[in-house]
C-alpha atoms as a PDB file:
ATOM      1  CA  MET A   1     -71.344 -44.344 -25.735  1.00  0.00           C
ATOM      2  CA  THR A   2     -71.392 -48.130 -26.136  1.00  0.00           C
ATOM      3  CA  SER A   3     -68.160 -50.119 -25.985  1.00  0.00           C
ATOM      4  CA  VAL A   4     -67.471 -53.726 -26.874  1.00  0.00           C
ATOM      5  CA  LEU A   5     -64.509 -55.750 -25.650  1.00  0.00           C
ATOM      6  CA  ASN A   6     -63.943 -59.066 -27.427  1.00  0.00           C
ATOM      7  CA  VAL A   7     -61.138 -61.239 -26.047  1.00  0.00           C
ATOM      8  CA  ASP A   8     -60.250 -64.907 -25.911  1.00  0.00           C
ATOM      9  CA  THR A   9     -58.091 -64.809 -22.780  1.00  0.00           C
ATOM     10  CA  ILE A  10     -57.427 -62.407 -19.931  1.00  0.00           C
ATOM     11  CA  ALA A  11     -54.259 -63.058 -17.932  1.00  0.00           C
ATOM     12  CA  ALA A  12     -51.976 -61.156 -15.574  1.00  0.00           C
ATOM     13  CA  LYS A  13     -48.938 -59.320 -16.976  1.00  0.00           C
ATOM     14  CA  ASN A  14     -46.797 -62.453 -16.760  1.00  0.00           C
ATOM     15  CA  GLY A  15     -49.210 -64.118 -19.189  1.00  0.00           C
ATOM     16  CA  THR A  16     -50.041 -67.140 -17.051  1.00  0.00           C
ATOM     17  CA  SER A  17     -51.412 -66.026 -13.673  1.00  0.00           C
ATOM     18  CA  PRO A  18     -55.097 -65.262 -13.161  1.00  0.00           C
ATOM     19  CA  VAL A  19     -56.049 -61.607 -13.095  1.00  0.00           C
ATOM     20  CA  THR A  20     -56.642 -59.819  -9.794  1.00  0.00           C
ATOM     21  CA  LEU A  21     -60.236 -58.835  -9.122  1.00  0.00           C
ATOM     22  CA  THR A  22     -60.654 -55.322  -7.763  1.00  0.00           C
ATOM     23  CA  LYS A  23     -63.677 -54.707  -5.529  1.00  0.00           C
ATOM     24  CA  GLN A  24     -65.120 -58.026  -6.683  1.00  0.00           C
ATOM     25  CA  ALA A  25     -65.291 -61.503  -5.265  1.00  0.00           C
ATOM     26  CA  ALA A  26     -65.172 -64.942  -6.820  1.00  0.00           C
ATOM     27  CA  ALA A  27     -65.279 -68.441  -5.398  1.00  0.00           C
ATOM     28  CA  LYS A  28     -61.796 -69.469  -4.283  1.00  0.00           C
ATOM     29  CA  VAL A  29     -62.684 -73.165  -4.039  1.00  0.00           C
ATOM     30  CA  PHE A  30     -65.455 -75.305  -5.472  1.00  0.00           C
ATOM     31  CA  ILE A  31     -66.129 -78.984  -5.805  1.00  0.00           C
ATOM     32  CA  ARG A  32     -68.905 -81.189  -7.093  1.00  0.00           C
ATOM     33  CA  ARG A  33     -68.456 -84.629  -5.630  1.00  0.00           C
ATOM     34  CA  ASP A  34     -70.141 -88.027  -5.541  1.00  0.00           C
ATOM     35  CA  PHE A  35     -69.670 -89.196  -1.938  1.00  0.00           C
ATOM     36  CA  ASN A  36     -71.353 -92.520  -2.746  1.00  0.00           C
ATOM     37  CA  ASN A  37     -68.793 -93.481  -5.429  1.00  0.00           C
ATOM     38  CA  ASN A  38     -65.920 -91.461  -3.905  1.00  0.00           C
ATOM     39  CA  ALA A  39     -65.433 -89.524  -7.154  1.00  0.00           C
ATOM     40  CA  THR A  40     -64.981 -85.846  -8.018  1.00  0.00           C
ATOM     41  CA  ASP A  41     -67.002 -84.580 -10.996  1.00  0.00           C
ATOM     42  CA  SER A  42     -65.318 -81.163 -11.118  1.00  0.00           C
ATOM     43  CA  SER A  43     -63.283 -78.965  -8.796  1.00  0.00           C
ATOM     44  CA  PHE A  44     -61.161 -75.853  -8.481  1.00  0.00           C
ATOM     45  CA  ASN A  45     -58.380 -75.329  -5.895  1.00  0.00           C
ATOM     46  CA  ILE A  46     -58.931 -78.787  -4.362  1.00  0.00           C
ATOM     47  CA  ALA A  47     -55.727 -80.822  -3.915  1.00  0.00           C
ATOM     48  CA  SER A  48     -57.429 -84.003  -2.735  1.00  0.00           C
ATOM     49  CA  VAL A  49     -60.372 -85.386  -0.790  1.00  0.00           C
ATOM     50  CA  THR A  50     -60.116 -87.713   2.188  1.00  0.00           C
ATOM     51  CA  ASP A  51     -63.002 -90.120   2.787  1.00  0.00           C
ATOM     52  CA  ASN A  52     -63.048 -90.251   6.609  1.00  0.00           C
ATOM     53  CA  ALA A  53     -66.202 -92.314   7.119  1.00  0.00           C
ATOM     54  CA  LEU A  54     -69.769 -92.691   5.860  1.00  0.00           C
ATOM     55  CA  GLY A  55     -71.007 -89.176   5.032  1.00  0.00           C
ATOM     56  CA  ASP A  56     -67.771 -87.586   6.271  1.00  0.00           C
ATOM     57  CA  GLN A  57     -65.144 -86.233   3.861  1.00  0.00           C
ATOM     58  CA  SER A  58     -62.294 -83.705   4.131  1.00  0.00           C
ATOM     59  CA  MET A  59     -61.743 -81.225   1.307  1.00  0.00           C
ATOM     60  CA  ASN A  60     -58.018 -80.421   1.103  1.00  0.00           C
ATOM     61  CA  ILE A  61     -57.420 -76.967  -0.395  1.00  0.00           C
ATOM     62  CA  THR A  62     -54.497 -76.458  -2.793  1.00  0.00           C
ATOM     63  CA  SER A  63     -53.852 -72.720  -2.235  1.00  0.00           C
ATOM     64  CA  ALA A  64     -54.463 -71.864   1.420  1.00  0.00           C
ATOM     65  CA  MET A  65     -57.060 -69.375   2.555  1.00  0.00           C
ATOM     66  CA  SER A  66     -55.768 -66.354   4.492  1.00  0.00           C
ATOM     67  CA  ALA A  67     -57.823 -67.260   7.583  1.00  0.00           C
ATOM     68  CA  ALA A  68     -60.029 -70.129   8.720  1.00  0.00           C
ATOM     69  CA  THR A  69     -63.077 -67.851   8.874  1.00  0.00           C
ATOM     70  CA  TYR A  70     -64.065 -68.218   5.221  1.00  0.00           C
ATOM     71  CA  SER A  71     -67.634 -68.874   4.072  1.00  0.00           C
ATOM     72  CA  ILE A  72     -68.636 -72.339   2.898  1.00  0.00           C
ATOM     73  CA  VAL A  73     -71.836 -72.867   0.957  1.00  0.00           C
ATOM     74  CA  GLY A  74     -73.033 -76.366   0.155  1.00  0.00           C
ATOM     75  CA  MET A  75     -75.839 -78.661  -0.835  1.00  0.00           C
ATOM     76  CA  ALA A  76     -76.351 -82.370  -1.241  1.00  0.00           C
ATOM     77  CA  SER A  77     -78.939 -84.656  -2.820  1.00  0.00           C
ATOM     78  CA  ARG A  78     -79.458 -88.246  -3.825  1.00  0.00           C
ATOM     79  CA  LYS A  79     -80.638 -89.453  -7.232  1.00  0.00           C
ATOM     80  CA  GLY A  80     -84.103 -90.975  -7.386  1.00  0.00           C
ATOM     81  CA  ASN A  81     -84.613 -91.093  -3.633  1.00  0.00           C
ATOM     82  CA  SER A  82     -87.303 -89.329  -1.612  1.00  0.00           C
ATOM     83  CA  LEU A  83     -84.978 -88.693   1.330  1.00  0.00           C
ATOM     84  CA  ASN A  84     -83.481 -85.213   1.472  1.00  0.00           C
ATOM     85  CA  TYR A  85     -79.825 -84.806   2.363  1.00  0.00           C
ATOM     86  CA  HIS A  86     -78.038 -81.821   3.777  1.00  0.00           C
ATOM     87  CA  VAL A  87     -74.435 -80.755   4.281  1.00  0.00           C
ATOM     88  CA  VAL A  88     -73.264 -79.781   7.725  1.00  0.00           C
ATOM     89  CA  MET A  89     -69.900 -78.645   8.976  1.00  0.00           C
ATOM     90  CA  ILE A  90     -68.338 -80.859  11.601  1.00  0.00           C
ATOM     91  CA  ASP A  91     -67.797 -78.495  14.491  1.00  0.00           C
ATOM     92  CA  GLU A  92     -66.064 -78.782  17.877  1.00  0.00           C
ATOM     93  CA  SER A  93     -63.171 -81.151  17.107  1.00  0.00           C
ATOM     94  CA  ALA A  94     -62.767 -80.370  13.399  1.00  0.00           C
ATOM     95  CA  ASP A  95     -63.169 -76.643  12.743  1.00  0.00           C
ATOM     96  CA  PRO A  96     -62.088 -75.541   9.267  1.00  0.00           C
ATOM     97  CA  THR A  97     -58.413 -74.652   8.845  1.00  0.00           C
ATOM     98  CA  THR A  98     -56.834 -72.537   6.122  1.00  0.00           C
ATOM     99  CA  THR A  99     -56.253 -75.706   4.066  1.00  0.00           C
ATOM    100  CA  VAL A 100     -59.013 -78.181   5.045  1.00  0.00           C
ATOM    101  CA  TYR A 101     -62.757 -78.138   5.566  1.00  0.00           C
ATOM    102  CA  ILE A 102     -64.814 -81.191   6.443  1.00  0.00           C
ATOM    103  CA  LEU A 103     -68.305 -81.933   5.173  1.00  0.00           C
ATOM    104  CA  ARG A 104     -70.725 -84.278   6.839  1.00  0.00           C
ATOM    105  CA  CYS A 105     -73.859 -85.511   5.073  1.00  0.00           C
ATOM    106  CA  SER A 106     -76.881 -87.120   6.634  1.00  0.00           C
ATOM    107  CA  ASP A 107     -80.510 -87.839   5.861  1.00  0.00           C
ATOM    108  CA  VAL A 108     -83.354 -85.960   7.521  1.00  0.00           C
ATOM    109  CA  ALA A 109     -83.369 -88.502  10.362  1.00  0.00           C
ATOM    110  CA  GLY A 110     -79.699 -87.724  11.169  1.00  0.00           C
ATOM    111  CA  ASN A 111     -78.252 -90.962   9.765  1.00  0.00           C
ATOM    112  CA  ASP A 112     -74.870 -90.499   8.048  1.00  0.00           C
ATOM    113  CA  LYS A 113     -75.180 -90.996   4.278  1.00  0.00           C
ATOM    114  CA  ASP A 114     -73.035 -90.748   1.138  1.00  0.00           C
ATOM    115  CA  PRO A 115     -75.166 -88.831  -1.379  1.00  0.00           C
ATOM    116  CA  GLU A 116     -74.414 -88.846  -5.102  1.00  0.00           C
ATOM    117  CA  PHE A 117     -74.350 -85.069  -5.462  1.00  0.00           C
ATOM    118  CA  VAL A 118     -72.450 -82.823  -3.056  1.00  0.00           C
ATOM    119  CA  SER A 119     -71.512 -79.320  -4.185  1.00  0.00           C
ATOM    120  CA  THR A 120     -69.667 -76.718  -2.143  1.00  0.00           C
ATOM    121  CA  SER A 121     -67.911 -73.436  -2.748  1.00  0.00           C
ATOM    122  CA  VAL A 122     -65.682 -71.320  -0.551  1.00  0.00           C
ATOM    123  CA  ASP A 123     -65.631 -67.523  -0.494  1.00  0.00           C
ATOM    124  CA  GLY A 124     -62.910 -65.548   1.246  1.00  0.00           C
ATOM    125  CA  ASP A 125     -59.345 -64.373   0.690  1.00  0.00           C
ATOM    126  CA  LEU A 126     -56.443 -66.548  -0.355  1.00  0.00           C
ATOM    127  CA  ALA A 127     -53.235 -66.334   1.665  1.00  0.00           C
END
């Protein structure tokens, strides 16, 4: 038997909160950012971004994660340039917390760079 469900909006019982996913997962945070121009193209659950230094920015999460062991996926690139960029977590002194993760971008030679396109998402549980 085929069923069709056509809706415009799905919300929690209170009418405003997002629905709870059961046995499913969705990104809890995402951001697409231009490090070079210090501008955010789009984001979800990001309160602000701190530009720490060349190729080094802190993503400040609005609604805290339940633990600092969440998964961060990211990529970076530069328009019209043959150099490849990558995103790396700053470890040792700046491990992720429940409300902040830090991205560091560099070229293939290890030089810190501010690429035009940096995209990351966070998977895990909110507090």
